[in-house]
Protein backbone atom coordinates (compact mmCIF):
# COMPACT_ATOMS: atom_id res chain seq x y z
CA MET A 1 0.00 0.00 0.00
CA LYS A 2 2.84 2.38 0.92
CA SER A 3 4.66 1.66 -2.37
CA LYS A 4 1.48 2.55 -4.31
CA ILE A 5 1.21 5.85 -2.47
CA ALA A 6 4.84 6.64 -3.28
CA ALA A 7 4.37 5.79 -6.97
CA ALA A 8 1.22 7.95 -7.23
CA ALA A 9 3.01 10.86 -5.60
CA LEU A 10 5.90 10.61 -8.06
CA LEU A 11 3.51 10.72 -11.04
CA LEU A 12 1.96 13.94 -9.73
CA LEU A 13 5.27 15.73 -9.14
CA PRO A 14 5.41 17.66 -12.43
CA PHE A 15 1.93 19.05 -11.77
CA THR A 16 1.74 19.49 -8.02
CA GLY A 17 5.37 19.79 -6.93
CA GLN A 18 4.69 17.70 -3.81
CA TYR A 19 8.22 16.29 -3.41
CA ALA A 20 7.88 15.99 0.37
CA LEU A 21 4.96 13.57 0.14
CA ALA A 22 6.88 11.15 -2.11
CA GLU A 23 10.04 11.26 0.01
CA GLU A 24 8.09 10.61 3.22
CA ALA A 25 6.34 7.57 1.75
CA VAL A 26 9.60 6.04 0.48
CA ASP A 27 11.43 6.70 3.77
CA GLU A 28 8.70 4.97 5.78
CA GLU A 29 8.77 1.88 3.57
CA LYS A 30 12.09 0.57 4.86
CA SER A 31 14.98 1.83 6.97
CA SER A 32 18.36 1.07 5.37
CA LEU A 33 20.29 1.12 8.66
CA THR A 34 19.57 -0.90 11.81
CA ILE A 35 21.62 -0.77 15.01
CA SER A 36 21.39 -2.84 18.18
CA ALA A 37 23.47 -2.64 21.34
CA GLU A 38 23.65 -5.17 24.17
CA LEU A 39 24.96 -4.94 27.71
CA GLY A 40 25.14 -7.32 30.64
CA PHE A 41 26.50 -7.08 34.20
CA LEU A 42 27.09 -9.63 36.95
CA PHE A 43 28.41 -8.64 40.38
CA THR A 44 28.69 -10.93 43.40
CA THR A 45 29.62 -10.08 46.99
CA GLY A 46 30.09 -12.04 50.19
CA ASN A 47 32.69 -14.79 50.49
CA THR A 48 33.67 -14.23 46.86
CA LYS A 49 33.59 -10.91 45.02
CA THR A 50 33.47 -10.91 41.23
CA GLY A 51 32.51 -8.52 38.47
CA ASP A 52 31.62 -9.42 34.87
CA ILE A 53 30.76 -7.09 32.01
CA LYS A 54 29.66 -8.10 28.50
CA ALA A 55 28.96 -5.55 25.78
CA GLY A 56 28.29 -5.64 22.06
CA ILE A 57 27.03 -3.62 19.13
CA ASN A 58 25.68 -4.75 15.75
CA LEU A 59 25.16 -2.61 12.64
CA LYS A 60 23.40 -3.63 9.43
CA HIS A 61 23.12 -1.47 6.31
CA GLU A 62 21.22 -2.31 3.12
CA ALA A 63 21.47 -0.34 -0.12
CA GLY A 64 20.23 -1.84 -3.37
CA GLN A 65 22.03 -5.16 -3.92
CA TRP A 66 24.54 -4.47 -1.11
CA LEU A 67 24.31 -5.69 2.47
CA ASN A 68 26.94 -4.57 4.98
CA SER A 69 27.20 -5.79 8.56
CA LEU A 70 29.55 -5.04 11.45
CA SER A 71 29.54 -6.60 14.92
CA PHE A 72 31.67 -5.92 17.99
CA ASN A 73 31.75 -7.97 21.21
CA ALA A 74 33.71 -7.50 24.44
CA LEU A 75 33.93 -9.44 27.70
CA ALA A 76 35.75 -8.60 30.94
CA LYS A 77 35.84 -10.54 34.22
CA LYS A 78 37.51 -9.71 37.53
CA LEU A 79 37.88 -11.84 40.66
CA GLU A 80 38.94 -10.72 44.14
CA THR A 81 42.12 -12.53 45.25
CA GLU A 82 44.13 -12.47 48.47
CA ASP A 83 47.91 -12.44 48.67
CA LYS A 84 49.04 -15.46 50.71
CA ILE A 85 51.87 -13.55 52.39
CA THR A 86 50.59 -10.00 52.89
CA LYS A 87 46.89 -10.99 53.07
CA GLU A 88 46.08 -7.95 50.95
CA LYS A 89 43.04 -8.27 48.69
CA SER A 90 42.91 -7.03 45.12
CA PHE A 91 40.88 -7.61 41.94
CA GLU A 92 42.56 -9.72 39.27
CA SER A 93 41.39 -10.08 35.67
CA THR A 94 40.37 -13.64 34.82
CA ASP A 95 39.01 -12.94 31.33
CA ASN A 96 39.56 -10.05 28.96
CA LYS A 97 38.76 -10.35 25.27
CA TRP A 98 37.10 -8.59 22.37
CA ASP A 99 36.43 -9.29 18.69
CA ILE A 100 35.13 -7.50 15.62
CA LEU A 101 33.60 -8.99 12.45
CA GLY A 102 32.76 -7.17 9.24
CA GLN A 103 31.13 -8.60 6.12
CA THR A 104 29.84 -7.24 2.81
CA ASN A 105 27.42 -9.17 0.57
CA TYR A 106 26.55 -8.31 -3.03
CA SER A 107 23.48 -9.99 -4.53
CA LEU A 108 24.14 -11.27 -8.05
CA GLU A 109 20.60 -10.37 -9.06
CA GLU A 110 18.19 -7.92 -7.46
CA GLY A 111 15.98 -9.82 -5.06
CA GLY A 112 17.84 -13.06 -5.89
CA LYS A 113 19.21 -15.78 -3.62
CA ASN A 114 22.91 -15.90 -4.63
CA TYR A 115 25.50 -13.42 -3.44
CA LEU A 116 29.24 -12.77 -3.34
CA TYR A 117 30.80 -11.91 0.02
CA GLY A 118 33.95 -10.56 1.59
CA SER A 119 34.62 -10.77 5.34
CA ALA A 120 37.32 -9.84 7.85
CA TYR A 121 37.70 -10.86 11.51
CA TYR A 122 39.93 -9.83 14.41
CA GLU A 123 40.03 -11.27 17.94
CA GLN A 124 42.18 -10.41 20.93
CA ASP A 125 42.07 -12.62 24.04
CA LYS A 126 44.40 -11.94 26.96
CA PHE A 127 43.99 -15.41 28.44
CA SER A 128 44.06 -17.64 25.34
CA SER A 129 46.90 -19.38 23.53
CA PHE A 130 46.95 -16.48 21.05
CA GLN A 131 47.92 -12.86 21.48
CA TYR A 132 45.49 -12.16 18.66
CA GLN A 133 43.91 -13.90 15.67
CA THR A 134 42.79 -12.38 12.40
CA SER A 135 41.38 -13.74 9.15
CA ALA A 136 39.91 -12.63 5.82
CA SER A 137 37.84 -14.54 3.29
CA PHE A 138 35.81 -14.03 0.11
CA GLY A 139 33.51 -16.31 -1.84
CA TRP A 140 29.94 -17.28 -2.73
CA GLY A 141 26.83 -17.58 -0.59
CA ARG A 142 23.13 -18.29 -0.91
CA HIS A 143 19.85 -17.57 0.86
CA TRP A 144 18.78 -21.19 0.95
CA TRP A 145 15.37 -20.25 2.25
CA GLU A 146 13.65 -17.23 3.73
CA THR A 147 10.06 -17.16 4.97
CA GLU A 148 8.11 -14.91 7.31
CA THR A 149 9.23 -16.96 10.33
CA SER A 150 12.58 -18.55 9.41
CA SER A 151 15.67 -18.15 7.24
CA PHE A 152 18.90 -19.98 6.48
CA PHE A 153 21.95 -18.30 4.94
CA ALA A 154 25.28 -20.02 4.21
CA ASP A 155 28.47 -19.09 2.35
CA ILE A 156 31.87 -20.59 1.60
CA GLY A 157 35.15 -19.37 0.16
CA PRO A 158 38.96 -19.34 0.39
CA GLY A 159 40.88 -17.04 2.67
CA VAL A 160 43.91 -16.50 4.86
CA LYS A 161 44.40 -16.60 8.63
CA TYR A 162 47.15 -14.96 10.69
CA ASP A 163 47.74 -15.91 14.35
CA VAL A 164 50.18 -14.46 16.86
CA ILE A 165 50.82 -17.36 19.25
CA ARG A 166 51.50 -16.91 22.96
CA ALA A 167 53.71 -19.62 24.49
CA ILE A 168 54.80 -19.78 28.13
CA ALA A 169 58.31 -21.10 28.69
CA ALA A 170 59.13 -22.08 32.29
CA THR A 171 62.62 -21.59 33.73
CA ALA A 172 64.09 -22.51 37.09
CA THR A 173 62.91 -19.26 38.70
CA THR A 174 60.17 -17.77 36.53
CA ALA A 175 58.01 -18.15 33.42
CA ALA A 176 58.54 -16.14 30.25
CA ILE A 177 56.00 -15.41 27.53
CA ILE A 178 57.37 -16.09 24.04
CA GLU A 179 55.47 -14.99 20.93
CA SER A 180 55.55 -16.42 17.42
CA SER A 181 53.32 -16.03 14.37
CA GLU A 182 51.65 -18.36 11.89
CA THR A 183 50.05 -17.69 8.51
CA ALA A 184 47.77 -20.28 6.94
CA ALA A 185 45.58 -20.58 3.85
CA ILE A 186 42.05 -21.56 4.85
CA VAL A 187 38.62 -22.37 3.49
CA GLN A 188 35.89 -20.62 5.44
CA ALA A 189 32.30 -21.87 5.71
CA GLN A 190 29.65 -20.14 7.78
CA ALA A 191 25.91 -20.47 8.26
CA LEU A 192 23.14 -18.63 10.11
CA TYR A 193 19.73 -20.11 10.92
CA THR A 194 16.99 -17.87 12.33
CA LYS A 195 13.58 -18.97 13.62
CA GLN A 196 10.83 -16.67 14.89
CA ILE A 197 9.13 -18.96 17.41
CA ASN A 198 6.32 -16.51 18.14
CA ASP A 199 5.73 -12.75 18.25
CA PHE A 200 8.06 -12.40 21.26
CA VAL A 201 10.75 -15.13 21.00
CA GLU A 202 13.45 -15.59 18.33
CA PHE A 203 16.04 -18.39 18.04
CA LYS A 204 19.37 -18.02 16.22
CA GLN A 205 22.13 -20.52 15.47
CA TYR A 206 25.42 -19.31 13.97
CA PHE A 207 28.38 -21.49 12.97
CA VAL A 208 31.69 -20.74 11.26
CA ALA A 209 34.58 -23.05 10.37
CA LYS A 210 38.04 -21.86 9.26
CA GLN A 211 39.78 -25.00 8.05
CA ALA A 212 43.51 -24.74 7.39
CA PHE A 213 44.73 -26.48 4.24
CA GLU A 214 48.12 -27.47 5.67
CA SER A 215 48.35 -30.25 8.25
CA GLY A 216 49.53 -29.06 11.66
CA LYS A 217 48.19 -25.53 11.20
CA ASN A 218 45.51 -24.24 13.55
CA SER A 219 41.89 -24.53 12.39
CA VAL A 220 39.11 -22.59 14.13
CA TYR A 221 35.47 -23.53 14.76
CA LYS A 222 32.96 -21.21 16.42
CA SER A 223 29.31 -21.69 17.34
CA GLU A 224 26.83 -19.31 18.98
CA THR A 225 23.30 -20.25 20.01
CA SER A 226 20.97 -17.49 21.21
CA LEU A 227 17.39 -17.04 22.34
CA THR A 228 15.95 -13.53 22.36
CA THR A 229 12.74 -12.47 24.11
CA LYS A 230 11.07 -9.15 23.38
CA LEU A 231 10.30 -7.15 26.54
CA MET A 232 9.19 -3.95 24.81
CA GLU A 233 9.19 -2.65 21.26
CA SER A 234 12.91 -1.79 21.30
CA LEU A 235 14.15 -3.73 24.35
CA GLN A 236 14.98 -7.44 24.34
CA PHE A 237 16.32 -10.04 26.76
CA LYS A 238 19.02 -12.29 25.23
CA PHE A 239 20.46 -15.60 26.42
CA SER A 240 23.43 -16.91 24.42
CA PHE A 241 25.87 -19.82 24.55
CA ARG A 242 29.14 -19.61 22.60
CA VAL A 243 31.76 -22.28 21.89
CA ASP A 244 35.24 -21.55 20.46
CA TYR A 245 37.48 -24.43 19.41
CA ASP A 246 41.10 -24.27 18.17
CA THR A 247 42.69 -27.47 16.90
CA GLU A 248 46.27 -26.40 17.74
CA VAL A 249 47.08 -24.64 21.03
CA GLU A 250 50.19 -24.29 23.15
CA GLN A 251 50.81 -26.48 26.18
CA GLY A 252 48.90 -25.28 29.22
CA PHE A 253 45.93 -23.93 27.25
CA GLU A 254 42.57 -25.55 26.49
CA ASN A 255 41.35 -26.27 22.95
CA THR A 256 37.73 -25.46 23.83
CA ASN A 257 36.41 -22.29 25.45
CA THR A 258 32.75 -21.68 26.27
CA GLU A 259 30.84 -18.55 27.21
CA THR A 260 27.32 -18.27 28.61
CA SER A 261 25.81 -14.80 28.86
CA VAL A 262 22.57 -13.00 29.62
CA THR A 263 22.22 -9.46 28.28
CA LEU A 264 19.71 -6.74 27.49
CA VAL A 265 19.55 -5.66 23.85
CA TYR A 266 18.31 -2.26 22.70
CA SER A 267 17.47 -1.77 19.01
CA PHE A 268 17.21 1.60 17.31
């Protein structure tokens, strides 16, 4: 109905000069930019004092056959510890990491299912086996299905991954942190499934694999499962569970890391 109003207004422009009416109808039809921000806190007191903060922001921009997205996530955790000798208490960081992911999709035909993509990723984790990890990939993707209540997108393509590795070497008196780097050619595959369970609850499942071609090089697998409940028009409650798996890590570090979070999401 709105598109018909816009078209009628455009036809009358030479005679009426009502440019404002046409622009207003087109603007209301669809916003090209969407932004959402999420924030979560957890503080405990008593025998144990801890403080956790999780924050994130997601941007999505659509223009013609282009779709651009950018997401940023950060997590910080602190735990109160006591010095065994001086008995002094202080807060010590137990987790400190952040990551950023950007991707651009170009539809091969207007309103079509196939698209070309390019993506870049950067992650910094103070307590992992890596000082930081970064990767870039490009390739082909497809909207395998998209209905009013569900959708499934997946893409695949070649790329490159660069890791700065953190190794801890123990000596007779202390431990030293030694850094090295590794570059690997990869094939990246990622998929996103979305299901609108009802008017208030949405389920999302995201998975990405970065498989190194060369044996012995680190491959990365990430999965995030989330359930979002609408509290108000622009405010949502989000529960998410994330799994990160690296095939090759240094001694003393775990291959698998998990993260469970509860946050409030504001969309505007």
